[in-house]
Amino acid sequence: MKQTLHKILLLLVALTVSICAKAQDYVTVNGIFYYVYENTATVTQYGENDPYSGSVVIPETITYNGKHYSVTSIGESAFRACTGLTSITIPNSVTSIGDYAFLNCSGLTSITIPNSVTSIGYEAFAGCSGLNSIIVESGNTNYDSRNNCNAIIEKSTNTLIRGCNNTTIPNSVTSIGDCAFDRCTGLTSITIPNSVTSIGDFAFTDCSGLTSITIPN
């Protein structure tokens, strides 16, 4: 009987420690929410009543309870529907941007992808109707914005994965990805070069200002 009670007490202690440890995984530093694990931090979704707005600068490292964490990723839906977000600074420590990370951030006017980013998730910038400028820093091994095209192009496939209101599609692009121009309401015309052989699903969904489009043979 004593052994059984002892085992139950040990189990309860273990569960308590586990719950407390889990609670410590999610932290807030200078108004930004993170999930921390080992020595890394991921920017995560905001509290329901506390959305991100204005200019947000993500630091390369954060300190919490005396421990330093490197900010290596922007998590899934991290800034989703933050319509008041006007600018974002992504540090060179970030290597991945998750699915829907900036979905429907209609107030965001420009984005710079640092050369450290090697992965951009599905519809990461879909619905960013106010985007007028997209720059991928030179030296990025996976993506570029060649010829000052104002777009994100995946190098390995020459696929334009995200455009904006001022995009000019380069001749080297072979495909336009799913939702590439989704809700670019300020886009008025687009010329698709002869190099393009495929246009993805919902590529021009809700482009309400689009009055002309040239599709090659």
N, C-alpha and C. Protein backbone atom coordinates (compact mmCIF):
# COMPACT_ATOMS: atom_id res chain seq x y z
N MET A 1 0.83 -1.22 0.00
CA MET A 1 0.00 0.00 0.00
C MET A 1 0.86 1.26 0.00
N LYS A 2 1.93 1.21 0.88
CA LYS A 2 2.83 2.36 0.96
C LYS A 2 3.56 2.57 -0.37
N GLN A 3 3.95 1.45 -1.01
CA GLN A 3 4.64 1.56 -2.29
C GLN A 3 3.74 2.18 -3.36
N THR A 4 2.45 1.78 -3.32
CA THR A 4 1.49 2.34 -4.28
C THR A 4 1.31 3.83 -4.09
N LEU A 5 1.19 4.26 -2.81
CA LEU A 5 1.04 5.68 -2.51
C LEU A 5 2.29 6.46 -2.92
N HIS A 6 3.44 5.82 -2.68
CA HIS A 6 4.71 6.46 -3.06
C HIS A 6 4.78 6.67 -4.57
N LYS A 7 4.35 5.68 -5.34
CA LYS A 7 4.36 5.78 -6.80
C LYS A 7 3.41 6.86 -7.28
N ILE A 8 2.23 6.93 -6.61
CA ILE A 8 1.24 7.95 -6.99
C ILE A 8 1.79 9.35 -6.73
N LEU A 9 2.47 9.53 -5.57
CA LEU A 9 3.05 10.82 -5.23
C LEU A 9 4.14 11.22 -6.23
N LEU A 10 4.97 10.25 -6.60
CA LEU A 10 6.01 10.52 -7.59
C LEU A 10 5.41 10.93 -8.94
N LEU A 11 4.32 10.25 -9.32
CA LEU A 11 3.65 10.56 -10.57
C LEU A 11 3.07 11.97 -10.54
N LEU A 12 2.45 12.34 -9.42
CA LEU A 12 1.88 13.68 -9.28
C LEU A 12 2.95 14.75 -9.34
N VAL A 13 4.09 14.50 -8.70
CA VAL A 13 5.21 15.45 -8.74
C VAL A 13 5.72 15.61 -10.17
N ALA A 14 5.85 14.48 -10.87
CA ALA A 14 6.34 14.52 -12.26
C ALA A 14 5.39 15.29 -13.15
N LEU A 15 4.08 15.07 -12.96
CA LEU A 15 3.08 15.79 -13.75
C LEU A 15 3.12 17.28 -13.47
N THR A 16 3.28 17.64 -12.19
CA THR A 16 3.35 19.05 -11.80
C THR A 16 4.55 19.73 -12.43
N VAL A 17 5.71 19.06 -12.36
CA VAL A 17 6.92 19.60 -12.96
C VAL A 17 6.76 19.77 -14.46
N SER A 18 6.14 18.74 -15.09
CA SER A 18 5.93 18.77 -16.54
C SER A 18 5.03 19.93 -16.94
N ILE A 19 3.95 20.14 -16.19
CA ILE A 19 3.01 21.22 -16.49
C ILE A 19 3.68 22.59 -16.32
N CYS A 20 4.47 22.72 -15.22
CA CYS A 20 5.16 23.99 -14.97
C CYS A 20 6.18 24.29 -16.06
N ALA A 21 6.90 23.22 -16.47
CA ALA A 21 7.90 23.40 -17.52
C ALA A 21 7.26 23.81 -18.81
N LYS A 22 6.10 23.18 -19.11
CA LYS A 22 5.39 23.51 -20.34
C LYS A 22 4.92 24.96 -20.32
N ALA A 23 4.45 25.41 -19.15
CA ALA A 23 3.96 26.78 -19.04
C ALA A 23 5.08 27.78 -19.30
N GLN A 24 6.31 27.40 -18.94
CA GLN A 24 7.44 28.28 -19.13
C GLN A 24 7.92 28.34 -20.58
N ASP A 25 7.40 27.45 -21.42
CA ASP A 25 7.82 27.42 -22.82
C ASP A 25 7.36 28.65 -23.59
N TYR A 26 6.25 29.24 -23.15
CA TYR A 26 5.70 30.40 -23.85
C TYR A 26 5.99 31.66 -23.05
N VAL A 27 6.70 32.60 -23.68
CA VAL A 27 7.14 33.80 -22.96
C VAL A 27 6.84 35.05 -23.78
N THR A 28 6.80 36.18 -23.11
CA THR A 28 6.63 37.47 -23.77
C THR A 28 7.82 38.35 -23.42
N VAL A 29 8.49 38.87 -24.44
CA VAL A 29 9.64 39.75 -24.22
C VAL A 29 9.45 41.00 -25.08
N ASN A 30 9.37 42.14 -24.42
CA ASN A 30 9.19 43.43 -25.11
C ASN A 30 7.99 43.42 -26.06
N GLY A 31 6.90 42.81 -25.62
CA GLY A 31 5.66 42.83 -26.38
C GLY A 31 5.57 41.81 -27.49
N ILE A 32 6.57 40.95 -27.65
CA ILE A 32 6.54 39.91 -28.68
C ILE A 32 6.43 38.55 -28.00
N PHE A 33 5.56 37.71 -28.54
CA PHE A 33 5.32 36.39 -27.96
C PHE A 33 6.24 35.36 -28.61
N TYR A 34 6.81 34.48 -27.76
CA TYR A 34 7.73 33.47 -28.26
C TYR A 34 7.42 32.10 -27.65
N TYR A 35 7.81 31.08 -28.41
CA TYR A 35 7.90 29.73 -27.85
C TYR A 35 9.39 29.43 -27.77
N VAL A 36 9.87 29.12 -26.58
CA VAL A 36 11.30 28.86 -26.42
C VAL A 36 11.54 27.38 -26.17
N TYR A 37 12.59 26.89 -26.78
CA TYR A 37 12.95 25.48 -26.63
C TYR A 37 14.46 25.36 -26.73
N GLU A 38 15.05 24.76 -25.71
CA GLU A 38 16.51 24.65 -25.62
C GLU A 38 17.12 26.05 -25.76
N ASN A 39 17.85 26.32 -26.84
CA ASN A 39 18.50 27.63 -26.97
C ASN A 39 17.89 28.50 -28.07
N THR A 40 16.71 28.10 -28.57
CA THR A 40 16.10 28.83 -29.68
C THR A 40 14.72 29.37 -29.30
N ALA A 41 14.31 30.39 -30.05
CA ALA A 41 12.99 30.99 -29.82
C ALA A 41 12.27 31.15 -31.15
N THR A 42 10.95 30.89 -31.13
CA THR A 42 10.09 31.06 -32.30
C THR A 42 9.04 32.11 -31.99
N VAL A 43 8.92 33.11 -32.86
CA VAL A 43 7.85 34.10 -32.70
C VAL A 43 6.53 33.37 -32.91
N THR A 44 5.61 33.54 -31.98
CA THR A 44 4.36 32.77 -32.05
C THR A 44 3.15 33.69 -32.05
N GLN A 45 1.99 33.07 -32.19
CA GLN A 45 0.75 33.83 -32.33
C GLN A 45 0.47 34.64 -31.07
N TYR A 46 -0.04 35.85 -31.28
CA TYR A 46 -0.33 36.76 -30.19
C TYR A 46 -1.53 36.29 -29.36
N GLY A 47 -1.66 36.88 -28.16
CA GLY A 47 -2.86 36.64 -27.36
C GLY A 47 -4.07 37.21 -28.06
N GLU A 48 -5.20 36.61 -27.86
CA GLU A 48 -6.42 36.94 -28.62
C GLU A 48 -6.80 38.41 -28.53
N ASN A 49 -6.53 39.02 -27.38
CA ASN A 49 -6.92 40.42 -27.20
C ASN A 49 -5.72 41.38 -27.26
N ASP A 50 -4.61 40.91 -27.80
CA ASP A 50 -3.41 41.73 -27.81
C ASP A 50 -2.66 41.56 -29.12
N PRO A 51 -3.23 42.00 -30.25
CA PRO A 51 -2.59 41.81 -31.55
C PRO A 51 -1.39 42.72 -31.73
N TYR A 52 -0.48 42.30 -32.61
CA TYR A 52 0.65 43.15 -32.96
C TYR A 52 0.15 44.30 -33.83
N SER A 53 0.76 45.47 -33.68
CA SER A 53 0.40 46.62 -34.51
C SER A 53 1.59 47.55 -34.63
N GLY A 54 1.50 48.51 -35.61
CA GLY A 54 2.58 49.46 -35.81
C GLY A 54 3.83 48.79 -36.36
N SER A 55 4.98 49.30 -35.97
CA SER A 55 6.26 48.75 -36.41
C SER A 55 6.77 47.74 -35.39
N VAL A 56 7.05 46.55 -35.86
CA VAL A 56 7.57 45.51 -34.97
C VAL A 56 8.98 45.12 -35.43
N VAL A 57 9.91 45.16 -34.50
CA VAL A 57 11.30 44.77 -34.77
C VAL A 57 11.59 43.49 -34.00
N ILE A 58 11.83 42.43 -34.75
CA ILE A 58 12.16 41.15 -34.11
C ILE A 58 13.66 41.13 -33.86
N PRO A 59 14.09 40.89 -32.63
CA PRO A 59 15.53 40.87 -32.33
C PRO A 59 16.18 39.55 -32.73
N GLU A 60 17.48 39.53 -32.85
CA GLU A 60 18.19 38.29 -33.17
C GLU A 60 18.21 37.35 -31.97
N THR A 61 18.27 37.93 -30.77
CA THR A 61 18.28 37.12 -29.54
C THR A 61 17.37 37.75 -28.50
N ILE A 62 16.88 36.93 -27.61
CA ILE A 62 16.12 37.42 -26.47
C ILE A 62 16.71 36.82 -25.19
N THR A 63 16.45 37.49 -24.08
CA THR A 63 16.90 36.99 -22.79
C THR A 63 15.68 36.83 -21.90
N TYR A 64 15.56 35.65 -21.32
CA TYR A 64 14.43 35.37 -20.43
C TYR A 64 14.94 34.57 -19.23
N ASN A 65 14.64 35.08 -18.04
CA ASN A 65 15.11 34.44 -16.81
C ASN A 65 16.61 34.18 -16.82
N GLY A 66 17.34 35.14 -17.39
CA GLY A 66 18.79 35.05 -17.40
C GLY A 66 19.37 34.15 -18.48
N LYS A 67 18.51 33.56 -19.29
CA LYS A 67 18.99 32.68 -20.36
C LYS A 67 18.81 33.34 -21.72
N HIS A 68 19.77 33.15 -22.61
CA HIS A 68 19.73 33.74 -23.94
C HIS A 68 19.20 32.74 -24.97
N TYR A 69 18.33 33.23 -25.85
CA TYR A 69 17.75 32.40 -26.90
C TYR A 69 17.94 33.08 -28.26
N SER A 70 18.30 32.31 -29.26
CA SER A 70 18.42 32.84 -30.62
C SER A 70 17.07 32.72 -31.31
N VAL A 71 16.60 33.82 -31.90
CA VAL A 71 15.30 33.82 -32.59
C VAL A 71 15.52 33.26 -33.99
N THR A 72 15.07 32.03 -34.21
CA THR A 72 15.39 31.33 -35.46
C THR A 72 14.20 31.18 -36.41
N SER A 73 12.99 31.44 -35.94
CA SER A 73 11.85 31.25 -36.84
C SER A 73 10.65 32.11 -36.45
N ILE A 74 9.80 32.35 -37.46
CA ILE A 74 8.51 32.99 -37.26
C ILE A 74 7.48 31.89 -37.46
N GLY A 75 6.73 31.59 -36.44
CA GLY A 75 5.87 30.42 -36.46
C GLY A 75 4.61 30.58 -37.29
N GLU A 76 3.90 29.47 -37.45
CA GLU A 76 2.65 29.43 -38.20
C GLU A 76 1.64 30.42 -37.61
N SER A 77 1.09 31.26 -38.48
CA SER A 77 0.05 32.23 -38.11
C SER A 77 0.51 33.24 -37.06
N ALA A 78 1.82 33.44 -36.93
CA ALA A 78 2.35 34.31 -35.87
C ALA A 78 1.76 35.72 -35.90
N PHE A 79 1.62 36.31 -37.10
CA PHE A 79 1.09 37.67 -37.24
C PHE A 79 -0.24 37.67 -37.99
N ARG A 80 -0.88 36.56 -38.05
CA ARG A 80 -2.11 36.40 -38.82
C ARG A 80 -3.17 37.44 -38.44
N ALA A 81 -3.70 38.11 -39.47
CA ALA A 81 -4.79 39.08 -39.31
C ALA A 81 -4.43 40.27 -38.44
N CYS A 82 -3.13 40.59 -38.35
CA CYS A 82 -2.72 41.80 -37.63
C CYS A 82 -2.81 42.97 -38.62
N THR A 83 -4.02 43.46 -38.81
CA THR A 83 -4.26 44.49 -39.83
C THR A 83 -3.60 45.82 -39.47
N GLY A 84 -3.26 46.01 -38.20
CA GLY A 84 -2.60 47.25 -37.76
C GLY A 84 -1.09 47.19 -37.87
N LEU A 85 -0.56 46.05 -38.29
CA LEU A 85 0.89 45.92 -38.46
C LEU A 85 1.31 46.67 -39.71
N THR A 86 2.21 47.65 -39.57
CA THR A 86 2.61 48.47 -40.71
C THR A 86 4.00 48.14 -41.22
N SER A 87 4.87 47.66 -40.36
CA SER A 87 6.21 47.26 -40.82
C SER A 87 6.77 46.18 -39.91
N ILE A 88 7.61 45.36 -40.48
CA ILE A 88 8.22 44.26 -39.73
C ILE A 88 9.69 44.19 -40.09
N THR A 89 10.54 44.03 -39.10
CA THR A 89 11.97 43.84 -39.32
C THR A 89 12.32 42.41 -38.90
N ILE A 90 12.77 41.63 -39.88
CA ILE A 90 13.13 40.23 -39.63
C ILE A 90 14.64 40.14 -39.56
N PRO A 91 15.19 39.62 -38.46
CA PRO A 91 16.65 39.57 -38.31
C PRO A 91 17.28 38.44 -39.11
N ASN A 92 18.60 38.52 -39.27
CA ASN A 92 19.33 37.51 -40.02
C ASN A 92 19.45 36.18 -39.30
N SER A 93 18.97 36.11 -38.08
CA SER A 93 18.98 34.84 -37.34
C SER A 93 17.83 33.94 -37.75
N VAL A 94 16.80 34.52 -38.37
CA VAL A 94 15.60 33.75 -38.75
C VAL A 94 15.86 32.92 -40.01
N THR A 95 15.57 31.62 -39.92
CA THR A 95 15.77 30.73 -41.06
C THR A 95 14.46 30.26 -41.69
N SER A 96 13.35 30.37 -40.95
CA SER A 96 12.08 29.90 -41.51
C SER A 96 10.93 30.81 -41.13
N ILE A 97 9.99 30.95 -42.09
CA ILE A 97 8.75 31.70 -41.89
C ILE A 97 7.62 30.72 -42.12
N GLY A 98 6.77 30.52 -41.14
CA GLY A 98 5.77 29.47 -41.18
C GLY A 98 4.56 29.76 -42.06
N ASP A 99 3.73 28.73 -42.25
CA ASP A 99 2.49 28.87 -43.00
C ASP A 99 1.62 29.98 -42.40
N TYR A 100 1.03 30.79 -43.28
CA TYR A 100 0.08 31.85 -42.88
C TYR A 100 0.68 32.86 -41.90
N ALA A 101 2.00 32.97 -41.84
CA ALA A 101 2.65 33.81 -40.83
C ALA A 101 2.15 35.25 -40.85
N PHE A 102 1.92 35.80 -42.04
CA PHE A 102 1.46 37.19 -42.18
C PHE A 102 0.14 37.27 -42.94
N LEU A 103 -0.63 36.22 -42.89
CA LEU A 103 -1.90 36.16 -43.61
C LEU A 103 -2.81 37.33 -43.24
N ASN A 104 -3.31 38.03 -44.26
CA ASN A 104 -4.27 39.13 -44.08
C ASN A 104 -3.72 40.31 -43.27
N CYS A 105 -2.41 40.53 -43.33
CA CYS A 105 -1.83 41.73 -42.71
C CYS A 105 -1.95 42.87 -43.73
N SER A 106 -3.13 43.40 -43.83
CA SER A 106 -3.45 44.35 -44.91
C SER A 106 -2.73 45.69 -44.76
N GLY A 107 -2.23 46.01 -43.57
CA GLY A 107 -1.54 47.28 -43.37
C GLY A 107 -0.06 47.23 -43.66
N LEU A 108 0.44 46.04 -43.93
CA LEU A 108 1.87 45.86 -44.20
C LEU A 108 2.19 46.35 -45.62
N THR A 109 3.10 47.32 -45.73
CA THR A 109 3.38 47.92 -47.04
C THR A 109 4.67 47.43 -47.69
N SER A 110 5.59 46.92 -46.89
CA SER A 110 6.85 46.42 -47.45
C SER A 110 7.38 45.27 -46.61
N ILE A 111 8.16 44.43 -47.26
CA ILE A 111 8.75 43.30 -46.56
C ILE A 111 10.15 43.05 -47.11
N THR A 112 11.09 42.83 -46.21
CA THR A 112 12.45 42.46 -46.60
C THR A 112 12.77 41.09 -46.01
N ILE A 113 13.11 40.15 -46.89
CA ILE A 113 13.45 38.80 -46.47
C ILE A 113 14.98 38.72 -46.35
N PRO A 114 15.50 38.46 -45.15
CA PRO A 114 16.96 38.40 -45.00
C PRO A 114 17.57 37.18 -45.68
N ASN A 115 18.87 37.23 -45.90
CA ASN A 115 19.52 36.13 -46.62
C ASN A 115 19.59 34.84 -45.82
N SER A 116 19.24 34.90 -44.54
CA SER A 116 19.27 33.71 -43.69
C SER A 116 18.06 32.80 -43.89
N VAL A 117 16.98 33.33 -44.47
CA VAL A 117 15.72 32.56 -44.59
C VAL A 117 15.86 31.49 -45.67
N THR A 118 15.62 30.25 -45.28
CA THR A 118 15.70 29.13 -46.23
C THR A 118 14.35 28.47 -46.47
N SER A 119 13.33 28.86 -45.70
CA SER A 119 12.02 28.24 -45.85
C SER A 119 10.91 29.26 -45.62
N ILE A 120 10.00 29.37 -46.59
CA ILE A 120 8.82 30.24 -46.47
C ILE A 120 7.59 29.37 -46.66
N GLY A 121 6.70 29.36 -45.68
CA GLY A 121 5.56 28.47 -45.67
C GLY A 121 4.43 28.87 -46.61
N TYR A 122 3.45 28.01 -46.69
CA TYR A 122 2.30 28.19 -47.57
C TYR A 122 1.49 29.42 -47.17
N GLU A 123 1.20 30.28 -48.15
CA GLU A 123 0.40 31.48 -47.96
C GLU A 123 0.93 32.36 -46.83
N ALA A 124 2.24 32.40 -46.69
CA ALA A 124 2.85 33.19 -45.62
C ALA A 124 2.47 34.67 -45.70
N PHE A 125 2.29 35.18 -46.94
CA PHE A 125 1.96 36.60 -47.13
C PHE A 125 0.65 36.80 -47.90
N ALA A 126 -0.17 35.78 -47.95
CA ALA A 126 -1.45 35.90 -48.66
C ALA A 126 -2.34 36.93 -47.97
N GLY A 127 -3.07 37.67 -48.76
CA GLY A 127 -3.99 38.65 -48.20
C GLY A 127 -3.34 39.93 -47.73
N CYS A 128 -2.04 40.10 -48.01
CA CYS A 128 -1.35 41.36 -47.64
C CYS A 128 -1.62 42.38 -48.74
N SER A 129 -2.81 42.92 -48.73
CA SER A 129 -3.30 43.75 -49.84
C SER A 129 -2.55 45.07 -49.99
N GLY A 130 -1.87 45.52 -48.94
CA GLY A 130 -1.16 46.80 -49.01
C GLY A 130 0.29 46.70 -49.41
N LEU A 131 0.78 45.50 -49.69
CA LEU A 131 2.19 45.32 -50.03
C LEU A 131 2.54 45.99 -51.35
N ASN A 132 3.49 46.92 -51.29
CA ASN A 132 3.98 47.61 -52.50
C ASN A 132 5.45 47.31 -52.79
N SER A 133 6.12 46.73 -51.82
CA SER A 133 7.55 46.46 -51.99
C SER A 133 7.93 45.14 -51.34
N ILE A 134 8.61 44.28 -52.11
CA ILE A 134 9.14 43.03 -51.57
C ILE A 134 10.60 42.92 -52.00
N ILE A 135 11.48 42.75 -51.02
CA ILE A 135 12.91 42.63 -51.30
C ILE A 135 13.45 41.38 -50.63
N VAL A 136 14.15 40.58 -51.40
CA VAL A 136 14.91 39.47 -50.83
C VAL A 136 16.38 39.88 -50.86
N GLU A 137 17.01 39.88 -49.70
CA GLU A 137 18.40 40.33 -49.63
C GLU A 137 19.30 39.45 -50.50
N SER A 138 20.28 40.08 -51.12
CA SER A 138 21.24 39.34 -51.94
C SER A 138 22.03 38.38 -51.05
N GLY A 139 22.35 37.25 -51.59
CA GLY A 139 23.06 36.25 -50.81
C GLY A 139 22.16 35.15 -50.28
N ASN A 140 20.84 35.34 -50.41
CA ASN A 140 19.91 34.29 -50.00
C ASN A 140 20.05 33.12 -50.98
N THR A 141 20.22 31.92 -50.46
CA THR A 141 20.48 30.76 -51.32
C THR A 141 19.22 30.13 -51.90
N ASN A 142 18.06 30.40 -51.28
CA ASN A 142 16.82 29.75 -51.73
C ASN A 142 15.85 30.66 -52.47
N TYR A 143 15.92 31.96 -52.19
CA TYR A 143 14.95 32.90 -52.77
C TYR A 143 15.67 34.14 -53.31
N ASP A 144 14.99 34.83 -54.23
CA ASP A 144 15.50 36.12 -54.67
C ASP A 144 14.35 37.00 -55.16
N SER A 145 14.69 38.26 -55.40
CA SER A 145 13.75 39.20 -56.02
C SER A 145 14.48 39.84 -57.20
N ARG A 146 14.91 38.97 -58.10
CA ARG A 146 15.74 39.35 -59.25
C ARG A 146 15.16 40.50 -60.07
N ASN A 147 16.06 41.28 -60.62
CA ASN A 147 15.67 42.41 -61.48
C ASN A 147 14.74 43.40 -60.79
N ASN A 148 14.87 43.51 -59.46
CA ASN A 148 14.02 44.43 -58.69
C ASN A 148 12.54 44.21 -59.00
N CYS A 149 12.16 42.94 -59.05
CA CYS A 149 10.81 42.60 -59.50
C CYS A 149 9.71 42.81 -58.45
N ASN A 150 10.10 43.09 -57.20
CA ASN A 150 9.10 43.22 -56.14
C ASN A 150 8.29 41.93 -55.96
N ALA A 151 9.01 40.84 -55.81
CA ALA A 151 8.37 39.55 -55.61
C ALA A 151 9.36 38.60 -54.95
N ILE A 152 8.83 37.50 -54.43
CA ILE A 152 9.68 36.44 -53.88
C ILE A 152 9.68 35.29 -54.88
N ILE A 153 10.86 34.93 -55.36
CA ILE A 153 10.99 33.85 -56.34
C ILE A 153 11.80 32.71 -55.72
N GLU A 154 11.27 31.52 -55.81
CA GLU A 154 11.99 30.34 -55.35
C GLU A 154 13.00 29.94 -56.42
N LYS A 155 14.27 30.00 -56.07
CA LYS A 155 15.34 29.81 -57.05
C LYS A 155 15.31 28.42 -57.70
N SER A 156 15.13 27.39 -56.89
CA SER A 156 15.26 26.02 -57.40
C SER A 156 14.23 25.68 -58.47
N THR A 157 13.06 26.34 -58.41
CA THR A 157 11.99 26.04 -59.37
C THR A 157 11.64 27.23 -60.26
N ASN A 158 12.27 28.38 -60.01
CA ASN A 158 11.93 29.62 -60.73
C ASN A 158 10.43 29.92 -60.63
N THR A 159 9.89 29.66 -59.44
CA THR A 159 8.47 29.92 -59.18
C THR A 159 8.29 31.20 -58.38
N LEU A 160 7.44 32.08 -58.88
CA LEU A 160 7.09 33.29 -58.14
C LEU A 160 6.07 32.89 -57.08
N ILE A 161 6.49 32.91 -55.81
CA ILE A 161 5.59 32.44 -54.75
C ILE A 161 4.82 33.57 -54.08
N ARG A 162 5.31 34.81 -54.22
CA ARG A 162 4.55 35.94 -53.69
C ARG A 162 4.88 37.20 -54.45
N GLY A 163 3.83 37.86 -54.96
CA GLY A 163 3.97 39.13 -55.62
C GLY A 163 3.30 40.22 -54.80
N CYS A 164 3.30 41.44 -55.34
CA CYS A 164 2.64 42.56 -54.66
C CYS A 164 2.05 43.50 -55.69
N ASN A 165 1.59 44.65 -55.24
CA ASN A 165 0.90 45.59 -56.13
C ASN A 165 1.81 46.16 -57.23
N ASN A 166 3.13 46.10 -57.03
CA ASN A 166 4.07 46.68 -57.99
C ASN A 166 4.99 45.65 -58.64
N THR A 167 4.57 44.41 -58.68
CA THR A 167 5.43 43.35 -59.23
C THR A 167 5.54 43.42 -60.75
N THR A 168 6.76 43.20 -61.22
CA THR A 168 7.02 42.96 -62.64
C THR A 168 7.61 41.56 -62.74
N ILE A 169 6.94 40.67 -63.44
CA ILE A 169 7.38 39.28 -63.49
C ILE A 169 8.58 39.16 -64.44
N PRO A 170 9.72 38.68 -63.94
CA PRO A 170 10.91 38.54 -64.81
C PRO A 170 10.74 37.43 -65.85
N ASN A 171 11.49 37.53 -66.93
CA ASN A 171 11.42 36.54 -68.00
C ASN A 171 11.91 35.16 -67.60
N SER A 172 12.65 35.08 -66.51
CA SER A 172 13.20 33.80 -66.08
C SER A 172 12.23 32.97 -65.24
N VAL A 173 11.12 33.57 -64.85
CA VAL A 173 10.14 32.84 -64.03
C VAL A 173 9.38 31.84 -64.90
N THR A 174 9.27 30.60 -64.43
CA THR A 174 8.58 29.57 -65.22
C THR A 174 7.19 29.23 -64.70
N SER A 175 6.91 29.59 -63.45
CA SER A 175 5.56 29.35 -62.93
C SER A 175 5.18 30.38 -61.88
N ILE A 176 3.88 30.61 -61.77
CA ILE A 176 3.33 31.50 -60.75
C ILE A 176 2.63 30.61 -59.74
N GLY A 177 3.04 30.69 -58.50
CA GLY A 177 2.56 29.77 -57.48
C GLY A 177 1.14 30.01 -57.01
N ASP A 178 0.61 29.07 -56.25
CA ASP A 178 -0.72 29.19 -55.66
C ASP A 178 -0.80 30.47 -54.82
N CYS A 179 -1.88 31.21 -55.00
CA CYS A 179 -2.17 32.41 -54.19
C CYS A 179 -1.08 33.48 -54.28
N ALA A 180 -0.28 33.46 -55.34
CA ALA A 180 0.87 34.37 -55.45
C ALA A 180 0.48 35.84 -55.36
N PHE A 181 -0.65 36.21 -55.96
CA PHE A 181 -1.11 37.61 -55.93
C PHE A 181 -2.44 37.74 -55.17
N ASP A 182 -2.72 36.80 -54.34
CA ASP A 182 -3.97 36.79 -53.59
C ASP A 182 -4.24 38.13 -52.90
N ARG A 183 -5.36 38.74 -53.23
CA ARG A 183 -5.82 39.99 -52.64
C ARG A 183 -4.86 41.16 -52.81
N CYS A 184 -4.12 41.18 -53.91
CA CYS A 184 -3.32 42.37 -54.25
C CYS A 184 -4.26 43.38 -54.91
N THR A 185 -5.04 44.05 -54.10
CA THR A 185 -6.11 44.92 -54.61
C THR A 185 -5.58 46.14 -55.34
N GLY A 186 -4.31 46.49 -55.12
CA GLY A 186 -3.72 47.64 -55.81
C GLY A 186 -3.07 47.28 -57.13
N LEU A 187 -3.07 46.00 -57.49
CA LEU A 187 -2.50 45.57 -58.77
C LEU A 187 -3.48 45.91 -59.88
N THR A 188 -3.04 46.72 -60.85
CA THR A 188 -3.96 47.17 -61.91
C THR A 188 -3.72 46.46 -63.24
N SER A 189 -2.49 46.04 -63.49
CA SER A 189 -2.21 45.29 -64.72
C SER A 189 -1.01 44.38 -64.52
N ILE A 190 -0.98 43.32 -65.29
CA ILE A 190 0.12 42.38 -65.19
C ILE A 190 0.41 41.77 -66.56
N THR A 191 1.69 41.68 -66.87
CA THR A 191 2.11 41.01 -68.10
C THR A 191 2.88 39.75 -67.72
N ILE A 192 2.40 38.62 -68.17
CA ILE A 192 3.05 37.35 -67.86
C ILE A 192 3.99 37.01 -69.01
N PRO A 193 5.28 36.85 -68.73
CA PRO A 193 6.24 36.61 -69.81
C PRO A 193 6.11 35.21 -70.41
N ASN A 194 6.72 35.04 -71.60
CA ASN A 194 6.65 33.77 -72.32
C ASN A 194 7.33 32.62 -71.62
N SER A 195 8.16 32.92 -70.63
CA SER A 195 8.85 31.86 -69.89
C SER A 195 7.90 31.10 -68.97
N VAL A 196 6.78 31.72 -68.61
CA VAL A 196 5.82 31.11 -67.68
C VAL A 196 4.96 30.06 -68.41
N THR A 197 4.94 28.86 -67.85
CA THR A 197 4.14 27.78 -68.45
C THR A 197 2.97 27.35 -67.57
N SER A 198 2.95 27.79 -66.31
CA SER A 198 1.83 27.40 -65.44
C SER A 198 1.49 28.50 -64.44
N ILE A 199 0.21 28.59 -64.12
CA ILE A 199 -0.30 29.55 -63.13
C ILE A 199 -1.06 28.76 -62.08
N GLY A 200 -0.67 28.92 -60.83
CA GLY A 200 -1.23 28.13 -59.74
C GLY A 200 -2.66 28.49 -59.36
N ASP A 201 -3.22 27.66 -58.50
CA ASP A 201 -4.59 27.86 -58.00
C ASP A 201 -4.69 29.20 -57.26
N PHE A 202 -5.77 29.90 -57.49
CA PHE A 202 -6.09 31.14 -56.76
C PHE A 202 -4.99 32.20 -56.87
N ALA A 203 -4.20 32.13 -57.95
CA ALA A 203 -3.06 33.03 -58.11
C ALA A 203 -3.45 34.50 -58.08
N PHE A 204 -4.64 34.83 -58.63
CA PHE A 204 -5.08 36.22 -58.69
C PHE A 204 -6.43 36.42 -57.99
N THR A 205 -6.68 35.63 -56.97
CA THR A 205 -7.95 35.74 -56.23
C THR A 205 -8.13 37.14 -55.64
N ASP A 206 -9.32 37.71 -55.86
CA ASP A 206 -9.70 38.99 -55.27
C ASP A 206 -8.77 40.15 -55.62
N CYS A 207 -8.17 40.10 -56.81
CA CYS A 207 -7.40 41.24 -57.31
C CYS A 207 -8.38 42.22 -57.94
N SER A 208 -9.12 42.92 -57.11
CA SER A 208 -10.26 43.71 -57.55
C SER A 208 -9.89 44.90 -58.43
N GLY A 209 -8.61 45.35 -58.39
CA GLY A 209 -8.21 46.48 -59.22
C GLY A 209 -7.60 46.08 -60.53
N LEU A 210 -7.50 44.79 -60.80
CA LEU A 210 -6.85 44.31 -62.03
C LEU A 210 -7.76 44.56 -63.23
N THR A 211 -7.28 45.39 -64.16
CA THR A 211 -8.08 45.73 -65.34
C THR A 211 -7.53 45.13 -66.62
N SER A 212 -6.24 44.69 -66.61
CA SER A 212 -5.69 44.05 -67.81
C SER A 212 -4.67 43.00 -67.43
N ILE A 213 -4.69 41.93 -68.22
CA ILE A 213 -3.73 40.85 -68.00
C ILE A 213 -3.33 40.26 -69.36
N THR A 214 -2.03 40.06 -69.54
CA THR A 214 -1.53 39.48 -70.78
C THR A 214 -1.01 38.07 -70.48
N ILE A 215 -1.64 37.10 -71.15
CA ILE A 215 -1.24 35.71 -70.94
C ILE A 215 -0.51 35.24 -72.20
N PRO A 216 0.72 34.71 -72.08
CA PRO A 216 1.48 34.32 -73.25
C PRO A 216 0.98 33.04 -73.88
N ASN A 217 1.50 32.75 -75.07
CA ASN A 217 1.05 31.55 -75.76
C ASN A 217 1.60 30.26 -75.14
